[in-house]
Protein backbone atom coordinates (compact mmCIF):
# COMPACT_ATOMS: atom_id res chain seq x y z
CA UNK A 1 -52.71 -23.46 -18.09
CA UNK A 2 -54.94 -20.50 -17.34
CA UNK A 3 -53.35 -17.04 -17.10
CA UNK A 4 -54.70 -16.71 -13.55
CA UNK A 5 -52.58 -19.66 -12.47
CA UNK A 6 -49.50 -17.62 -13.37
CA UNK A 7 -50.39 -14.78 -10.99
CA UNK A 8 -48.24 -14.15 -7.95
CA UNK A 9 -49.92 -16.01 -5.03
CA UNK A 10 -50.43 -12.81 -3.00
CA UNK A 11 -51.88 -11.00 -5.99
CA UNK A 12 -54.01 -14.01 -6.83
CA UNK A 13 -55.61 -13.83 -3.38
CA UNK A 14 -56.59 -10.21 -3.96
CA UNK A 15 -57.74 -11.01 -7.48
CA UNK A 16 -60.05 -13.74 -6.20
CA UNK A 17 -61.52 -11.42 -3.56
CA UNK A 18 -62.18 -8.78 -6.21
CA UNK A 19 -63.84 -11.33 -8.48
CA UNK A 20 -66.14 -12.33 -5.61
CA UNK A 21 -67.09 -8.71 -4.93
CA UNK A 22 -67.69 -7.94 -8.60
CA UNK A 23 -69.78 -11.07 -8.97
CA UNK A 24 -72.45 -9.44 -6.80
CA UNK A 25 -73.04 -7.05 -9.73
CA UNK A 26 -73.44 -9.85 -12.27
CA UNK A 27 -76.99 -8.81 -13.11
CA UNK A 28 -75.70 -5.39 -14.15
CA UNK A 29 -72.66 -6.34 -16.21
CA UNK A 30 -74.30 -9.28 -17.99
CA UNK A 31 -76.92 -6.90 -19.38
CA UNK A 32 -74.23 -4.89 -21.20
CA UNK A 33 -73.35 -5.29 -24.87
CA UNK A 34 -69.73 -5.91 -23.93
CA UNK A 35 -69.91 -8.03 -20.79
CA UNK A 36 -66.18 -8.28 -20.14
CA UNK A 37 -65.73 -4.52 -20.44
CA UNK A 38 -68.69 -3.88 -18.13
CA UNK A 39 -67.24 -6.37 -15.64
CA UNK A 40 -63.96 -4.45 -15.65
CA UNK A 41 -65.81 -1.19 -14.99
CA UNK A 42 -67.63 -2.85 -12.12
CA UNK A 43 -64.28 -3.98 -10.72
CA UNK A 44 -62.99 -0.41 -10.96
CA UNK A 45 -66.09 0.85 -9.16
CA UNK A 46 -65.61 -1.71 -6.38
CA UNK A 47 -61.97 -0.67 -5.98
CA UNK A 48 -62.86 3.04 -5.98
CA UNK A 49 -65.45 2.43 -3.27
CA UNK A 50 -62.82 0.66 -1.17
CA UNK A 51 -60.36 3.54 -1.69
CA UNK A 52 -63.04 6.05 -0.75
CA UNK A 53 -63.95 4.09 2.39
CA UNK A 54 -60.29 3.95 3.40
CA UNK A 55 -59.88 7.68 2.84
CA UNK A 56 -62.86 8.36 5.11
CA UNK A 57 -61.37 6.12 7.79
CA UNK A 58 -58.01 7.88 7.53
CA UNK A 59 -59.65 11.30 7.83
CA UNK A 60 -61.58 10.11 10.86
CA UNK A 61 -58.41 8.76 12.50
CA UNK A 62 -56.52 11.96 11.72
CA UNK A 63 -59.35 14.00 13.21
CA UNK A 64 -59.34 11.86 16.37
CA UNK A 65 -55.57 12.24 16.60
CA UNK A 66 -55.85 16.02 16.27
CA UNK A 67 -58.53 16.16 18.96
CA UNK A 68 -56.35 14.12 21.32
CA UNK A 69 -53.30 16.24 20.46
CA UNK A 70 -55.28 19.44 21.11
CA UNK A 71 -56.49 18.12 24.48
CA UNK A 72 -52.95 17.18 25.46
CA UNK A 73 -51.71 20.61 24.35
CA UNK A 74 -54.49 22.31 26.31
CA UNK A 75 -53.61 20.37 29.46
CA UNK A 76 -49.95 21.26 29.03
CA UNK A 77 -50.81 24.92 28.61
CA UNK A 78 -53.01 24.83 31.72
CA UNK A 79 -50.11 23.45 33.76
CA UNK A 80 -48.03 26.48 32.77
């Protein structure tokens, strides 16, 4: 039995998605002296990119929320 078969099913789903994404960098990590280590670094890079993208989306949503809040506040102040 492979160790991957012992993964929690939800985690296994995420693992498989990550493997697919990292596979796109196969040309890079297979040229390394230590392929498995390079593959892990590629996986970390993929995850960091996803975290960064999510942070940008959160900042954008927070900015939109602040703009809407400011407009609502402005309208309320105008009514006074």
